[in-house]
Each structure stands twice: as structure tokens, then as C-alpha cells.
Amino acid sequence: MIIRPLIVAAAWAAFCFTAQPHREQVSPQDPVLLSGIEADLASRRCDGVRIDAEHFRAFSSQVQLNHADFFQKPRSVRLQAALDDLDGRLRSDKRAACEAIWVAYGPGSPLQLLRRG
């Protein structure tokens, strides 16, 4: 009789320690999330580049996403692959990657998520 509860408890413990959170392959929010996360990566990895807080707040408000959406929730497989690619480019040719991100999100871009500082 005592064996059955022990087996159930062991099975439940095994499940809890090996379960992985479900990640979608693709999310309709991926392009928007990618923009925000790329800008954040640039602000942390590119010299003299910072997030333009006013424009970033307006952008996230317009697309109805908050801090958790950008940085805490699980990312889709496609979004994570794009971020891994960007990370690789930042490691292999930081200058070119930073310039490309600056063009995409700097003052002359439609989103203007970055500023010099």
C-alpha cells in the first residue's frame, strides 16, 4: 500500500524536474518584440548607444507591450533564433552590427528607439 504513493510521488517529482515550458514556433508579436529587444541589446553592447526612453515608452504603449512582454515571457523559437543570430553578429563583427542597429533604430529611423549618450 505504501509503495503506490511513493511511485506517484517519484513520478510527479521526475515530471516537475524535467518539464520544459512550451515555446511557440512563431508568434505574431515576434517582429515587434525583436525591434525592442534589438534596441535593448544595442544599448548594452554598442559603445555610446542608449535607449531613447521617451520613444521606447511610446513604442511599447502603441504596440501594447510591457516590460514583461519584452524581457520576461518565453520567446518563440523563431524570435530566439533571430536574437541568437544578432548575438553572433555582435560577437563576430561588433562594429558592423552596431552600425546596422543604429541605422534601424537611431534618430533617422521610423521607430527612433536609440540615441547617442
PDB file of N, CA and C in Angstrom:
ATOM      1  N   MET A   1       0.807  -1.198   0.000  1.00  0.00           N
ATOM      2  CA  MET A   1       0.000   0.000   0.000  1.00  0.00           C
ATOM      3  C   MET A   1       0.851   1.263   0.000  1.00  0.00           C
ATOM      4  N   ILE A   2       1.898   1.291   0.765  1.00  0.00           N
ATOM      5  CA  ILE A   2       2.732   2.480   0.830  1.00  0.00           C
ATOM      6  C   ILE A   2       3.564   2.654  -0.436  1.00  0.00           C
ATOM      7  N   ILE A   3       3.720   1.627  -1.215  1.00  0.00           N
ATOM      8  CA  ILE A   3       4.528   1.696  -2.429  1.00  0.00           C
ATOM      9  C   ILE A   3       3.851   2.566  -3.497  1.00  0.00           C
ATOM     10  N   ARG A   4       2.549   2.434  -3.656  1.00  0.00           N
ATOM     11  CA  ARG A   4       1.841   3.206  -4.678  1.00  0.00           C
ATOM     12  C   ARG A   4       2.012   4.724  -4.485  1.00  0.00           C
ATOM     13  N   PRO A   5       1.797   5.281  -3.287  1.00  0.00           N
ATOM     14  CA  PRO A   5       2.023   6.724  -3.124  1.00  0.00           C
ATOM     15  C   PRO A   5       3.473   7.132  -3.394  1.00  0.00           C
ATOM     16  N   LEU A   6       4.417   6.265  -3.054  1.00  0.00           N
ATOM     17  CA  LEU A   6       5.822   6.582  -3.315  1.00  0.00           C
ATOM     18  C   LEU A   6       6.113   6.615  -4.816  1.00  0.00           C
ATOM     19  N   ILE A   7       5.497   5.699  -5.550  1.00  0.00           N
ATOM     20  CA  ILE A   7       5.677   5.684  -7.011  1.00  0.00           C
ATOM     21  C   ILE A   7       5.063   6.934  -7.625  1.00  0.00           C
ATOM     22  N   VAL A   8       3.880   7.307  -7.176  1.00  0.00           N
ATOM     23  CA  VAL A   8       3.231   8.511  -7.684  1.00  0.00           C
ATOM     24  C   VAL A   8       4.073   9.750  -7.359  1.00  0.00           C
ATOM     25  N   ALA A   9       4.570   9.834  -6.142  1.00  0.00           N
ATOM     26  CA  ALA A   9       5.398  10.978  -5.747  1.00  0.00           C
ATOM     27  C   ALA A   9       6.686  11.035  -6.566  1.00  0.00           C
ATOM     28  N   ALA A  10       7.298   9.891  -6.813  1.00  0.00           N
ATOM     29  CA  ALA A  10       8.528   9.856  -7.612  1.00  0.00           C
ATOM     30  C   ALA A  10       8.243  10.267  -9.057  1.00  0.00           C
ATOM     31  N   ALA A  11       7.135   9.794  -9.615  1.00  0.00           N
ATOM     32  CA  ALA A  11       6.778  10.166 -10.984  1.00  0.00           C
ATOM     33  C   ALA A  11       6.502  11.659 -11.079  1.00  0.00           C
ATOM     34  N   TRP A  12       5.790  12.204 -10.105  1.00  0.00           N
ATOM     35  CA  TRP A  12       5.491  13.634 -10.106  1.00  0.00           C
ATOM     36  C   TRP A  12       6.783  14.454  -9.969  1.00  0.00           C
ATOM     37  N   ALA A  13       7.686  14.027  -9.114  1.00  0.00           N
ATOM     38  CA  ALA A  13       8.962  14.736  -8.948  1.00  0.00           C
ATOM     39  C   ALA A  13       9.771  14.692 -10.236  1.00  0.00           C
ATOM     40  N   ALA A  14       9.788  13.548 -10.892  1.00  0.00           N
ATOM     41  CA  ALA A  14      10.522  13.429 -12.158  1.00  0.00           C
ATOM     42  C   ALA A  14       9.927  14.368 -13.207  1.00  0.00           C
ATOM     43  N   PHE A  15       8.615  14.435 -13.275  1.00  0.00           N
ATOM     44  CA  PHE A  15       7.957  15.330 -14.226  1.00  0.00           C
ATOM     45  C   PHE A  15       8.302  16.792 -13.931  1.00  0.00           C
ATOM     46  N   CYS A  16       8.233  17.186 -12.669  1.00  0.00           N
ATOM     47  CA  CYS A  16       8.487  18.576 -12.293  1.00  0.00           C
ATOM     48  C   CYS A  16       9.920  19.004 -12.605  1.00  0.00           C
ATOM     49  N   PHE A  17      10.864  18.091 -12.445  1.00  0.00           N
ATOM     50  CA  PHE A  17      12.265  18.460 -12.686  1.00  0.00           C
ATOM     51  C   PHE A  17      12.670  18.383 -14.144  1.00  0.00           C
ATOM     52  N   THR A  18      11.893  17.696 -14.973  1.00  0.00           N
ATOM     53  CA  THR A  18      12.272  17.564 -16.383  1.00  0.00           C
ATOM     54  C   THR A  18      11.360  18.319 -17.333  1.00  0.00           C
ATOM     55  N   ALA A  19      10.243  18.826 -16.875  1.00  0.00           N
ATOM     56  CA  ALA A  19       9.303  19.526 -17.759  1.00  0.00           C
ATOM     57  C   ALA A  19       9.919  20.821 -18.261  1.00  0.00           C
ATOM     58  N   GLN A  20       9.703  21.116 -19.514  1.00  0.00           N
ATOM     59  CA  GLN A  20      10.176  22.357 -20.124  1.00  0.00           C
ATOM     60  C   GLN A  20       8.967  23.212 -20.480  1.00  0.00           C
ATOM     61  N   PRO A  21       9.073  24.531 -20.322  1.00  0.00           N
ATOM     62  CA  PRO A  21       7.939  25.371 -20.709  1.00  0.00           C
ATOM     63  C   PRO A  21       7.709  25.286 -22.205  1.00  0.00           C
ATOM     64  N   HIS A  22       6.463  25.348 -22.579  1.00  0.00           N
ATOM     65  CA  HIS A  22       6.112  25.280 -24.001  1.00  0.00           C
ATOM     66  C   HIS A  22       6.516  26.569 -24.683  1.00  0.00           C
ATOM     67  N   ARG A  23       7.160  26.440 -25.840  1.00  0.00           N
ATOM     68  CA  ARG A  23       7.525  27.616 -26.619  1.00  0.00           C
ATOM     69  C   ARG A  23       6.911  27.491 -27.993  1.00  0.00           C
ATOM     70  N   GLU A  24       6.204  28.531 -28.376  1.00  0.00           N
ATOM     71  CA  GLU A  24       5.606  28.566 -29.709  1.00  0.00           C
ATOM     72  C   GLU A  24       6.711  28.637 -30.755  1.00  0.00           C
ATOM     73  N   GLN A  25       6.451  28.097 -31.924  1.00  0.00           N
ATOM     74  CA  GLN A  25       7.411  28.208 -33.021  1.00  0.00           C
ATOM     75  C   GLN A  25       7.476  29.646 -33.526  1.00  0.00           C
ATOM     76  N   VAL A  26       6.314  30.267 -33.662  1.00  0.00           N
ATOM     77  CA  VAL A  26       6.219  31.620 -34.194  1.00  0.00           C
ATOM     78  C   VAL A  26       5.135  32.359 -33.417  1.00  0.00           C
ATOM     79  N   SER A  27       5.359  33.633 -33.190  1.00  0.00           N
ATOM     80  CA  SER A  27       4.363  34.463 -32.533  1.00  0.00           C
ATOM     81  C   SER A  27       4.095  35.680 -33.420  1.00  0.00           C
ATOM     82  N   PRO A  28       2.855  36.130 -33.500  1.00  0.00           N
ATOM     83  CA  PRO A  28       2.578  37.321 -34.304  1.00  0.00           C
ATOM     84  C   PRO A  28       3.270  38.567 -33.760  1.00  0.00           C
ATOM     85  N   GLN A  29       3.697  38.542 -32.505  1.00  0.00           N
ATOM     86  CA  GLN A  29       4.384  39.681 -31.909  1.00  0.00           C
ATOM     87  C   GLN A  29       5.890  39.657 -32.152  1.00  0.00           C
ATOM     88  N   ASP A  30       6.420  38.625 -32.784  1.00  0.00           N
ATOM     89  CA  ASP A  30       7.866  38.486 -32.967  1.00  0.00           C
ATOM     90  C   ASP A  30       8.538  39.711 -33.572  1.00  0.00           C
ATOM     91  N   PRO A  31       8.026  40.280 -34.669  1.00  0.00           N
ATOM     92  CA  PRO A  31       8.719  41.442 -35.249  1.00  0.00           C
ATOM     93  C   PRO A  31       8.781  42.637 -34.289  1.00  0.00           C
ATOM     94  N   VAL A  32       7.721  42.861 -33.548  1.00  0.00           N
ATOM     95  CA  VAL A  32       7.683  43.976 -32.603  1.00  0.00           C
ATOM     96  C   VAL A  32       8.627  43.704 -31.439  1.00  0.00           C
ATOM     97  N   LEU A  33       8.568  42.502 -30.900  1.00  0.00           N
ATOM     98  CA  LEU A  33       9.463  42.150 -29.804  1.00  0.00           C
ATOM     99  C   LEU A  33      10.917  42.215 -30.250  1.00  0.00           C
ATOM    100  N   LEU A  34      11.187  41.755 -31.472  1.00  0.00           N
ATOM    101  CA  LEU A  34      12.554  41.787 -31.983  1.00  0.00           C
ATOM    102  C   LEU A  34      13.082  43.216 -32.029  1.00  0.00           C
ATOM    103  N   SER A  35      12.270  44.149 -32.469  1.00  0.00           N
ATOM    104  CA  SER A  35      12.697  45.556 -32.522  1.00  0.00           C
ATOM    105  C   SER A  35      13.099  46.061 -31.142  1.00  0.00           C
ATOM    106  N   GLY A  36      12.254  45.838 -30.173  1.00  0.00           N
ATOM    107  CA  GLY A  36      12.545  46.315 -28.821  1.00  0.00           C
ATOM    108  C   GLY A  36      13.755  45.645 -28.201  1.00  0.00           C
ATOM    109  N   ILE A  37      13.875  44.348 -28.395  1.00  0.00           N
ATOM    110  CA  ILE A  37      14.990  43.618 -27.794  1.00  0.00           C
ATOM    111  C   ILE A  37      16.298  43.937 -28.512  1.00  0.00           C
ATOM    112  N   GLU A  38      16.259  44.107 -29.845  1.00  0.00           N
ATOM    113  CA  GLU A  38      17.464  44.509 -30.575  1.00  0.00           C
ATOM    114  C   GLU A  38      17.955  45.866 -30.086  1.00  0.00           C
ATOM    115  N   ALA A  39      17.049  46.802 -29.913  1.00  0.00           N
ATOM    116  CA  ALA A  39      17.435  48.124 -29.415  1.00  0.00           C
ATOM    117  C   ALA A  39      18.037  48.011 -28.017  1.00  0.00           C
ATOM    118  N   ASP A  40      17.451  47.177 -27.167  1.00  0.00           N
ATOM    119  CA  ASP A  40      17.987  46.990 -25.823  1.00  0.00           C
ATOM    120  C   ASP A  40      19.378  46.364 -25.877  1.00  0.00           C
ATOM    121  N   LEU A  41      19.557  45.364 -26.724  1.00  0.00           N
ATOM    122  CA  LEU A  41      20.879  44.749 -26.871  1.00  0.00           C
ATOM    123  C   LEU A  41      21.911  45.773 -27.322  1.00  0.00           C
ATOM    124  N   ALA A  42      21.541  46.611 -28.263  1.00  0.00           N
ATOM    125  CA  ALA A  42      22.465  47.637 -28.748  1.00  0.00           C
ATOM    126  C   ALA A  42      22.840  48.585 -27.619  1.00  0.00           C
ATOM    127  N   SER A  43      21.883  48.946 -26.786  1.00  0.00           N
ATOM    128  CA  SER A  43      22.182  49.874 -25.695  1.00  0.00           C
ATOM    129  C   SER A  43      23.140  49.247 -24.683  1.00  0.00           C
ATOM    130  N   ARG A  44      23.146  47.937 -24.598  1.00  0.00           N
ATOM    131  CA  ARG A  44      24.041  47.269 -23.654  1.00  0.00           C
ATOM    132  C   ARG A  44      25.374  46.879 -24.266  1.00  0.00           C
ATOM    133  N   ARG A  45      25.414  46.663 -25.580  1.00  0.00           N
ATOM    134  CA  ARG A  45      26.628  46.128 -26.198  1.00  0.00           C
ATOM    135  C   ARG A  45      27.367  47.098 -27.112  1.00  0.00           C
ATOM    136  N   CYS A  46      26.720  48.155 -27.572  1.00  0.00           N
ATOM    137  CA  CYS A  46      27.346  49.093 -28.509  1.00  0.00           C
ATOM    138  C   CYS A  46      27.777  50.360 -27.761  1.00  0.00           C
ATOM    139  N   ASP A  47      28.989  50.789 -28.005  1.00  0.00           N
ATOM    140  CA  ASP A  47      29.543  51.956 -27.321  1.00  0.00           C
ATOM    141  C   ASP A  47      28.781  53.231 -27.694  1.00  0.00           C
ATOM    142  N   GLY A  48      28.422  53.996 -26.674  1.00  0.00           N
ATOM    143  CA  GLY A  48      27.799  55.292 -26.889  1.00  0.00           C
ATOM    144  C   GLY A  48      26.354  55.253 -27.338  1.00  0.00           C
ATOM    145  N   VAL A  49      25.718  54.097 -27.277  1.00  0.00           N
ATOM    146  CA  VAL A  49      24.320  53.961 -27.714  1.00  0.00           C
ATOM    147  C   VAL A  49      23.451  53.690 -26.487  1.00  0.00           C
ATOM    148  N   ARG A  50      22.351  54.417 -26.386  1.00  0.00           N
ATOM    149  CA  ARG A  50      21.418  54.261 -25.270  1.00  0.00           C
ATOM    150  C   ARG A  50      19.992  54.174 -25.792  1.00  0.00           C
ATOM    151  N   ILE A  51      19.136  53.601 -24.987  1.00  0.00           N
ATOM    152  CA  ILE A  51      17.701  53.577 -25.301  1.00  0.00           C
ATOM    153  C   ILE A  51      17.168  55.002 -25.175  1.00  0.00           C
ATOM    154  N   ASP A  52      16.371  55.413 -26.128  1.00  0.00           N
ATOM    155  CA  ASP A  52      15.663  56.687 -26.030  1.00  0.00           C
ATOM    156  C   ASP A  52      14.376  56.379 -25.266  1.00  0.00           C
ATOM    157  N   ALA A  53      14.385  56.662 -23.978  1.00  0.00           N
ATOM    158  CA  ALA A  53      13.295  56.243 -23.086  1.00  0.00           C
ATOM    159  C   ALA A  53      11.929  56.759 -23.539  1.00  0.00           C
ATOM    160  N   GLU A  54      11.871  57.999 -23.964  1.00  0.00           N
ATOM    161  CA  GLU A  54      10.594  58.581 -24.383  1.00  0.00           C
ATOM    162  C   GLU A  54      10.025  57.849 -25.597  1.00  0.00           C
ATOM    163  N   HIS A  55      10.861  57.642 -26.604  1.00  0.00           N
ATOM    164  CA  HIS A  55      10.393  56.939 -27.800  1.00  0.00           C
ATOM    165  C   HIS A  55      10.110  55.467 -27.526  1.00  0.00           C
ATOM    166  N   PHE A  56      10.909  54.843 -26.646  1.00  0.00           N
ATOM    167  CA  PHE A  56      10.665  53.431 -26.330  1.00  0.00           C
ATOM    168  C   PHE A  56       9.337  53.266 -25.600  1.00  0.00           C
ATOM    169  N   ARG A  57       9.045  54.161 -24.661  1.00  0.00           N
ATOM    170  CA  ARG A  57       7.754  54.104 -23.962  1.00  0.00           C
ATOM    171  C   ARG A  57       6.595  54.299 -24.929  1.00  0.00           C
ATOM    172  N   ALA A  58       6.733  55.258 -25.840  1.00  0.00           N
ATOM    173  CA  ALA A  58       5.668  55.498 -26.828  1.00  0.00           C
ATOM    174  C   ALA A  58       5.490  54.280 -27.728  1.00  0.00           C
ATOM    175  N   PHE A  59       6.600  53.685 -28.149  1.00  0.00           N
ATOM    176  CA  PHE A  59       6.561  52.487 -28.989  1.00  0.00           C
ATOM    177  C   PHE A  59       5.868  51.334 -28.268  1.00  0.00           C
ATOM    178  N   SER A  60       6.280  51.060 -27.030  1.00  0.00           N
ATOM    179  CA  SER A  60       5.685  49.933 -26.310  1.00  0.00           C
ATOM    180  C   SER A  60       4.218  50.185 -25.985  1.00  0.00           C
ATOM    181  N   SER A  61       3.861  51.432 -25.729  1.00  0.00           N
ATOM    182  CA  SER A  61       2.460  51.770 -25.485  1.00  0.00           C
ATOM    183  C   SER A  61       1.631  51.585 -26.756  1.00  0.00           C
ATOM    184  N   GLN A  62       2.186  52.018 -27.879  1.00  0.00           N
ATOM    185  CA  GLN A  62       1.475  51.905 -29.157  1.00  0.00           C
ATOM    186  C   GLN A  62       1.210  50.443 -29.524  1.00  0.00           C
ATOM    187  N   VAL A  63       2.180  49.569 -29.264  1.00  0.00           N
ATOM    188  CA  VAL A  63       2.015  48.152 -29.612  1.00  0.00           C
ATOM    189  C   VAL A  63       1.438  47.339 -28.446  1.00  0.00           C
ATOM    190  N   GLN A  64       1.146  48.027 -27.335  1.00  0.00           N
ATOM    191  CA  GLN A  64       0.520  47.435 -26.154  1.00  0.00           C
ATOM    192  C   GLN A  64       1.324  46.283 -25.573  1.00  0.00           C
ATOM    193  N   LEU A  65       2.617  46.525 -25.397  1.00  0.00           N
ATOM    194  CA  LEU A  65       3.502  45.557 -24.749  1.00  0.00           C
ATOM    195  C   LEU A  65       4.161  46.235 -23.551  1.00  0.00           C
ATOM    196  N   ASN A  66       4.464  45.438 -22.542  1.00  0.00           N
ATOM    197  CA  ASN A  66       5.124  45.989 -21.368  1.00  0.00           C
ATOM    198  C   ASN A  66       6.484  45.316 -21.169  1.00  0.00           C
ATOM    199  N   HIS A  67       7.142  45.672 -20.092  1.00  0.00           N
ATOM    200  CA  HIS A  67       8.482  45.149 -19.804  1.00  0.00           C
ATOM    201  C   HIS A  67       8.499  43.626 -19.789  1.00  0.00           C
ATOM    202  N   ALA A  68       7.512  43.018 -19.185  1.00  0.00           N
ATOM    203  CA  ALA A  68       7.458  41.553 -19.110  1.00  0.00           C
ATOM    204  C   ALA A  68       7.364  40.932 -20.504  1.00  0.00           C
ATOM    205  N   ASP A  69       6.603  41.542 -21.390  1.00  0.00           N
ATOM    206  CA  ASP A  69       6.480  41.018 -22.750  1.00  0.00           C
ATOM    207  C   ASP A  69       7.838  40.987 -23.441  1.00  0.00           C
ATOM    208  N   PHE A  70       8.630  42.031 -23.246  1.00  0.00           N
ATOM    209  CA  PHE A  70       9.924  42.119 -23.907  1.00  0.00           C
ATOM    210  C   PHE A  70      10.983  41.234 -23.250  1.00  0.00           C
ATOM    211  N   PHE A  71      10.985  41.158 -21.919  1.00  0.00           N
ATOM    212  CA  PHE A  71      12.152  40.594 -21.247  1.00  0.00           C
ATOM    213  C   PHE A  71      11.893  39.408 -20.317  1.00  0.00           C
ATOM    214  N   GLN A  72      10.655  39.095 -19.992  1.00  0.00           N
ATOM    215  CA  GLN A  72      10.429  38.046 -19.015  1.00  0.00           C
ATOM    216  C   GLN A  72       9.643  36.852 -19.547  1.00  0.00           C
ATOM    217  N   LYS A  73       8.809  37.044 -20.525  1.00  0.00           N
ATOM    218  CA  LYS A  73       7.991  35.946 -21.041  1.00  0.00           C
ATOM    219  C   LYS A  73       8.816  35.064 -21.973  1.00  0.00           C
ATOM    220  N   PRO A  74       8.434  33.790 -22.085  1.00  0.00           N
ATOM    221  CA  PRO A  74       9.166  32.909 -23.003  1.00  0.00           C
ATOM    222  C   PRO A  74       9.095  33.432 -24.436  1.00  0.00           C
ATOM    223  N   ARG A  75      10.193  33.291 -25.139  1.00  0.00           N
ATOM    224  CA  ARG A  75      10.278  33.746 -26.531  1.00  0.00           C
ATOM    225  C   ARG A  75       9.985  32.591 -27.463  1.00  0.00           C
ATOM    226  N   SER A  76       9.408  32.922 -28.615  1.00  0.00           N
ATOM    227  CA  SER A  76       9.156  31.883 -29.612  1.00  0.00           C
ATOM    228  C   SER A  76      10.489  31.365 -30.131  1.00  0.00           C
ATOM    229  N   VAL A  77      10.452  30.215 -30.744  1.00  0.00           N
ATOM    230  CA  VAL A  77      11.659  29.612 -31.305  1.00  0.00           C
ATOM    231  C   VAL A  77      12.256  30.538 -32.364  1.00  0.00           C
ATOM    232  N   ARG A  78      11.403  31.108 -33.218  1.00  0.00           N
ATOM    233  CA  ARG A  78      11.879  31.997 -34.286  1.00  0.00           C
ATOM    234  C   ARG A  78      12.513  33.263 -33.717  1.00  0.00           C
ATOM    235  N   LEU A  79      11.893  33.861 -32.714  1.00  0.00           N
ATOM    236  CA  LEU A  79      12.444  35.061 -32.104  1.00  0.00           C
ATOM    237  C   LEU A  79      13.785  34.756 -31.441  1.00  0.00           C
ATOM    238  N   GLN A  80      13.876  33.654 -30.733  1.00  0.00           N
ATOM    239  CA  GLN A  80      15.133  33.305 -30.084  1.00  0.00           C
ATOM    240  C   GLN A  80      16.235  33.054 -31.109  1.00  0.00           C
ATOM    241  N   ALA A  81      15.885  32.441 -32.233  1.00  0.00           N
ATOM    242  CA  ALA A  81      16.872  32.209 -33.298  1.00  0.00           C
ATOM    243  C   ALA A  81      17.372  33.538 -33.871  1.00  0.00           C
ATOM    244  N   ALA A  82      16.475  34.496 -34.055  1.00  0.00           N
ATOM    245  CA  ALA A  82      16.872  35.810 -34.569  1.00  0.00           C
ATOM    246  C   ALA A  82      17.783  36.526 -33.576  1.00  0.00           C
ATOM    247  N   LEU A  83      17.485  36.407 -32.295  1.00  0.00           N
ATOM    248  CA  LEU A  83      18.319  37.048 -31.281  1.00  0.00           C
ATOM    249  C   LEU A  83      19.676  36.355 -31.158  1.00  0.00           C
ATOM    250  N   ASP A  84      19.691  35.050 -31.298  1.00  0.00           N
ATOM    251  CA  ASP A  84      20.962  34.322 -31.295  1.00  0.00           C
ATOM    252  C   ASP A  84      21.821  34.735 -32.481  1.00  0.00           C
ATOM    253  N   ASP A  85      21.189  34.944 -33.632  1.00  0.00           N
ATOM    254  CA  ASP A  85      21.909  35.405 -34.817  1.00  0.00           C
ATOM    255  C   ASP A  85      22.498  36.800 -34.567  1.00  0.00           C
ATOM    256  N   LEU A  86      21.712  37.685 -33.999  1.00  0.00           N
ATOM    257  CA  LEU A  86      22.202  39.028 -33.690  1.00  0.00           C
ATOM    258  C   LEU A  86      23.358  38.954 -32.700  1.00  0.00           C
ATOM    259  N   ASP A  87      23.233  38.128 -31.696  1.00  0.00           N
ATOM    260  CA  ASP A  87      24.302  37.973 -30.715  1.00  0.00           C
ATOM    261  C   ASP A  87      25.583  37.486 -31.400  1.00  0.00           C
ATOM    262  N   GLY A  88      25.452  36.555 -32.335  1.00  0.00           N
ATOM    263  CA  GLY A  88      26.606  36.076 -33.088  1.00  0.00           C
ATOM    264  C   GLY A  88      27.248  37.181 -33.911  1.00  0.00           C
ATOM    265  N   ARG A  89      26.406  38.007 -34.551  1.00  0.00           N
ATOM    266  CA  ARG A  89      26.941  39.132 -35.332  1.00  0.00           C
ATOM    267  C   ARG A  89      27.636  40.149 -34.437  1.00  0.00           C
ATOM    268  N   LEU A  90      27.077  40.386 -33.251  1.00  0.00           N
ATOM    269  CA  LEU A  90      27.711  41.310 -32.315  1.00  0.00           C
ATOM    270  C   LEU A  90      29.054  40.775 -31.828  1.00  0.00           C
ATOM    271  N   ARG A  91      29.176  39.468 -31.731  1.00  0.00           N
ATOM    272  CA  ARG A  91      30.444  38.872 -31.303  1.00  0.00           C
ATOM    273  C   ARG A  91      31.476  38.847 -32.432  1.00  0.00           C
ATOM    274  N   SER A  92      31.025  38.562 -33.648  1.00  0.00           N
ATOM    275  CA  SER A  92      31.968  38.409 -34.756  1.00  0.00           C
ATOM    276  C   SER A  92      32.374  39.743 -35.380  1.00  0.00           C
ATOM    277  N   ASP A  93      31.457  40.681 -35.513  1.00  0.00           N
ATOM    278  CA  ASP A  93      31.761  41.990 -36.101  1.00  0.00           C
ATOM    279  C   ASP A  93      30.899  43.037 -35.401  1.00  0.00           C
ATOM    280  N   LYS A  94      31.308  43.373 -34.200  1.00  0.00           N
ATOM    281  CA  LYS A  94      30.531  44.276 -33.353  1.00  0.00           C
ATOM    282  C   LYS A  94      30.271  45.612 -34.042  1.00  0.00           C
ATOM    283  N   ARG A  95      31.278  46.161 -34.674  1.00  0.00           N
ATOM    284  CA  ARG A  95      31.137  47.483 -35.281  1.00  0.00           C
ATOM    285  C   ARG A  95      30.054  47.495 -36.365  1.00  0.00           C
ATOM    286  N   ALA A  96      30.098  46.518 -37.268  1.00  0.00           N
ATOM    287  CA  ALA A  96      29.102  46.454 -38.350  1.00  0.00           C
ATOM    288  C   ALA A  96      27.702  46.198 -37.795  1.00  0.00           C
ATOM    289  N   ALA A  97      27.599  45.313 -36.814  1.00  0.00           N
ATOM    290  CA  ALA A  97      26.289  45.011 -36.220  1.00  0.00           C
ATOM    291  C   ALA A  97      25.724  46.242 -35.520  1.00  0.00           C
ATOM    292  N   CYS A  98      26.557  46.955 -34.797  1.00  0.00           N
ATOM    293  CA  CYS A  98      26.100  48.156 -34.099  1.00  0.00           C
ATOM    294  C   CYS A  98      25.672  49.246 -35.087  1.00  0.00           C
ATOM    295  N   GLU A  99      26.411  49.378 -36.169  1.00  0.00           N
ATOM    296  CA  GLU A  99      26.031  50.362 -37.184  1.00  0.00           C
ATOM    297  C   GLU A  99      24.689  50.020 -37.821  1.00  0.00           C
ATOM    298  N   ALA A 100      24.481  48.735 -38.098  1.00  0.00           N
ATOM    299  CA  ALA A 100      23.213  48.303 -38.694  1.00  0.00           C
ATOM    300  C   ALA A 100      22.042  48.554 -37.742  1.00  0.00           C
ATOM    301  N   ILE A 101      22.248  48.278 -36.467  1.00  0.00           N
ATOM    302  CA  ILE A 101      21.190  48.513 -35.479  1.00  0.00           C
ATOM    303  C   ILE A 101      20.930  50.015 -35.338  1.00  0.00           C
ATOM    304  N   TRP A 102      21.998  50.819 -35.379  1.00  0.00           N
ATOM    305  CA  TRP A 102      21.839  52.264 -35.275  1.00  0.00           C
ATOM    306  C   TRP A 102      21.007  52.805 -36.437  1.00  0.00           C
ATOM    307  N   VAL A 103      21.281  52.300 -37.634  1.00  0.00           N
ATOM    308  CA  VAL A 103      20.510  52.733 -38.807  1.00  0.00           C
ATOM    309  C   VAL A 103      19.041  52.341 -38.642  1.00  0.00           C
ATOM    310  N   ALA A 104      18.810  51.139 -38.118  1.00  0.00           N
ATOM    311  CA  ALA A 104      17.439  50.636 -37.971  1.00  0.00           C
ATOM    312  C   ALA A 104      16.649  51.335 -36.867  1.00  0.00           C
ATOM    313  N   TYR A 105      17.335  51.762 -35.790  1.00  0.00           N
ATOM    314  CA  TYR A 105      16.610  52.282 -34.621  1.00  0.00           C
ATOM    315  C   TYR A 105      17.097  53.632 -34.121  1.00  0.00           C
ATOM    316  N   GLY A 106      18.019  54.265 -34.819  1.00  0.00           N
ATOM    317  CA  GLY A 106      18.538  55.570 -34.407  1.00  0.00           C
ATOM    318  C   GLY A 106      17.592  56.702 -34.770  1.00  0.00           C
ATOM    319  N   PRO A 107      18.025  57.950 -34.587  1.00  0.00           N
ATOM    320  CA  PRO A 107      17.166  59.118 -34.814  1.00  0.00           C
ATOM    321  C   PRO A 107      16.581  59.239 -36.220  1.00  0.00           C
ATOM    322  N   GLY A 108      17.242  58.752 -37.233  1.00  0.00           N
ATOM    323  CA  GLY A 108      16.704  58.869 -38.588  1.00  0.00           C
ATOM    324  C   GLY A 108      15.750  57.751 -38.962  1.00  0.00           C
ATOM    325  N   SER A 109      15.504  56.812 -38.053  1.00  0.00           N
ATOM    326  CA  SER A 109      14.646  55.662 -38.350  1.00  0.00           C
ATOM    327  C   SER A 109      13.192  55.947 -37.973  1.00  0.00           C
ATOM    328  N   PRO A 110      12.271  55.150 -38.475  1.00  0.00           N
ATOM    329  CA  PRO A 110      10.855  55.361 -38.117  1.00  0.00           C
ATOM    330  C   PRO A 110      10.571  55.192 -36.617  1.00  0.00           C
ATOM    331  N   LEU A 111      11.260  54.253 -35.946  1.00  0.00           N
ATOM    332  CA  LEU A 111      10.971  53.990 -34.532  1.00  0.00           C
ATOM    333  C   LEU A 111      11.754  54.886 -33.572  1.00  0.00           C
ATOM    334  N   GLN A 112      12.963  55.234 -33.911  1.00  0.00           N
ATOM    335  CA  GLN A 112      13.817  56.093 -33.083  1.00  0.00           C
ATOM    336  C   GLN A 112      13.919  55.590 -31.635  1.00  0.00           C
ATOM    337  N   LEU A 113      14.276  54.333 -31.489  1.00  0.00           N
ATOM    338  CA  LEU A 113      14.377  53.745 -30.154  1.00  0.00           C
ATOM    339  C   LEU A 113      15.722  53.997 -29.484  1.00  0.00           C
ATOM    340  N   LEU A 114      16.717  54.470 -30.259  1.00  0.00           N
ATOM    341  CA  LEU A 114      18.059  54.669 -29.709  1.00  0.00           C
ATOM    342  C   LEU A 114      18.488  56.123 -29.839  1.00  0.00           C
ATOM    343  N   ARG A 115      19.421  56.493 -28.974  1.00  0.00           N
ATOM    344  CA  ARG A 115      20.040  57.820 -29.011  1.00  0.00           C
ATOM    345  C   ARG A 115      21.508  57.635 -28.639  1.00  0.00           C
ATOM    346  N   ARG A 116      22.298  58.643 -28.939  1.00  0.00           N
ATOM    347  CA  ARG A 116      23.706  58.639 -28.525  1.00  0.00           C
ATOM    348  C   ARG A 116      23.782  59.151 -27.091  1.00  0.00           C
ATOM    349  N   GLY A 117      24.700  58.598 -26.342  1.00  0.00           N
ATOM    350  CA  GLY A 117      24.828  59.094 -24.988  1.00  0.00           C
ATOM    351  C   GLY A 117      25.712  58.295 -24.222  1.00  0.00           C
TER     352      GLY A 117
END
